[in-house]
C-alpha cells in the first residue's frame, strides 16, 4: 500500500513538473517602410536624411526601402529643389512622393 501511494505521488509530481512548462514565442515586424517616387523621375537626385544621394534614371515609379521613423527628403531636379519635406513613416507603411 505504501509503494502504491508512493508511486502515485511520483506520477503526480512528474505530471505537475512536466505540465508547467510554457512555451511562448514573440514575433516582431521588421521596421521597414517604403518611399514611392512618382512623376518625372528621370535625372532626379534624392537625398534622404544624411545618406548618400540616389540618382533616379528610369522613367518608372521608383520603390525605395527605408527604415521607419522620421525622415527628411529632398529631391533636386535640373539644379532646383522640387521637393523638401519631412515625413513620418510607420512600420510597413508606404509614402508616395510626386516629383513634378
Protein backbone atom coordinates (compact mmCIF):
# COMPACT_ATOMS: atom_id res chain seq x y z
CA UNK A 1 0.00 0.00 0.00
CA UNK A 2 2.86 2.36 0.81
CA UNK A 3 4.53 1.54 -2.53
CA UNK A 4 1.28 2.22 -4.39
CA UNK A 5 0.82 5.62 -2.68
CA UNK A 6 4.49 6.49 -3.30
CA UNK A 7 4.13 5.52 -6.97
CA UNK A 8 1.01 7.68 -7.37
CA UNK A 9 2.76 10.60 -5.65
CA UNK A 10 5.73 10.26 -8.01
CA UNK A 11 3.47 10.15 -11.08
CA UNK A 12 1.56 13.23 -9.89
CA UNK A 13 4.83 15.11 -9.24
CA UNK A 14 6.18 14.23 -12.69
CA UNK A 15 2.95 15.40 -14.34
CA UNK A 16 2.95 18.64 -12.37
CA UNK A 17 6.58 19.47 -13.18
CA UNK A 18 6.30 18.49 -16.86
CA UNK A 19 2.95 20.19 -17.35
CA UNK A 20 4.07 23.56 -16.02
CA UNK A 21 6.34 24.36 -18.95
CA UNK A 22 5.03 27.26 -21.00
CA UNK A 23 6.46 27.90 -24.41
CA UNK A 24 5.84 31.32 -25.84
CA UNK A 25 7.10 32.95 -28.99
CA UNK A 26 7.16 36.60 -29.92
CA UNK A 27 7.09 37.81 -33.48
CA UNK A 28 8.31 41.27 -34.29
CA UNK A 29 7.60 43.03 -37.51
CA UNK A 30 10.53 44.45 -39.38
CA UNK A 31 10.90 48.18 -39.04
CA UNK A 32 10.87 48.72 -42.78
CA UNK A 33 8.92 51.34 -44.72
CA UNK A 34 8.80 52.37 -48.34
CA UNK A 35 9.02 55.57 -50.35
CA UNK A 36 7.44 55.61 -53.80
CA UNK A 37 8.81 58.26 -56.15
CA UNK A 38 6.38 59.02 -58.98
CA UNK A 39 6.12 61.61 -61.71
CA UNK A 40 9.07 62.89 -63.74
CA UNK A 41 11.77 60.85 -62.01
CA UNK A 42 14.38 60.82 -64.81
CA UNK A 43 17.53 62.63 -63.66
CA UNK A 44 16.19 63.48 -60.20
CA UNK A 45 18.59 63.32 -57.27
CA UNK A 46 17.07 62.15 -53.99
CA UNK A 47 18.61 62.77 -50.58
CA UNK A 48 17.11 61.00 -47.57
CA UNK A 49 18.46 62.37 -44.30
CA UNK A 50 22.28 62.36 -44.49
CA UNK A 51 22.59 59.23 -46.63
CA UNK A 52 24.30 59.03 -50.00
CA UNK A 53 22.21 60.65 -52.75
CA UNK A 54 20.22 58.43 -55.08
CA UNK A 55 20.02 59.27 -58.78
CA UNK A 56 16.76 58.21 -60.40
CA UNK A 57 17.45 57.35 -64.03
CA UNK A 58 14.46 55.43 -65.29
CA UNK A 59 11.04 56.84 -66.05
CA UNK A 60 9.14 54.30 -64.00
CA UNK A 61 7.88 54.61 -60.45
CA UNK A 62 10.73 54.05 -58.01
CA UNK A 63 10.06 51.94 -54.91
CA UNK A 64 12.72 52.66 -52.23
CA UNK A 65 13.03 50.72 -48.95
CA UNK A 66 13.98 52.64 -45.81
CA UNK A 67 13.63 52.42 -42.04
CA UNK A 68 10.54 53.51 -40.16
CA UNK A 69 10.54 56.82 -38.37
CA UNK A 70 11.10 60.46 -39.22
CA UNK A 71 12.96 61.28 -42.44
CA UNK A 72 13.91 64.46 -44.28
CA UNK A 73 13.54 64.01 -48.05
CA UNK A 74 14.99 66.45 -50.60
CA UNK A 75 14.62 65.95 -54.35
CA UNK A 76 16.74 68.03 -56.74
CA UNK A 77 15.79 68.15 -60.41
CA UNK A 78 17.63 70.25 -63.00
CA UNK A 79 19.56 72.02 -60.24
CA UNK A 80 16.46 73.15 -58.30
CA UNK A 81 14.86 71.74 -55.14
CA UNK A 82 11.49 70.45 -56.20
CA UNK A 83 10.67 68.51 -53.01
CA UNK A 84 11.76 69.41 -49.50
CA UNK A 85 9.73 67.78 -46.77
CA UNK A 86 9.91 65.88 -43.52
CA UNK A 87 7.84 62.71 -43.37
CA UNK A 88 6.96 60.22 -40.67
CA UNK A 89 6.78 56.58 -41.73
CA UNK A 90 5.21 53.84 -39.66
CA UNK A 91 6.41 50.25 -39.76
CA UNK A 92 5.37 48.64 -43.02
CA UNK A 93 3.84 51.84 -44.39
CA UNK A 94 4.39 53.43 -47.78
CA UNK A 95 4.51 57.10 -48.76
CA UNK A 96 4.26 58.49 -52.28
CA UNK A 97 6.45 61.44 -53.22
CA UNK A 98 5.45 63.03 -56.51
CA UNK A 99 8.25 64.69 -58.47
CA UNK A 100 6.93 67.49 -60.71
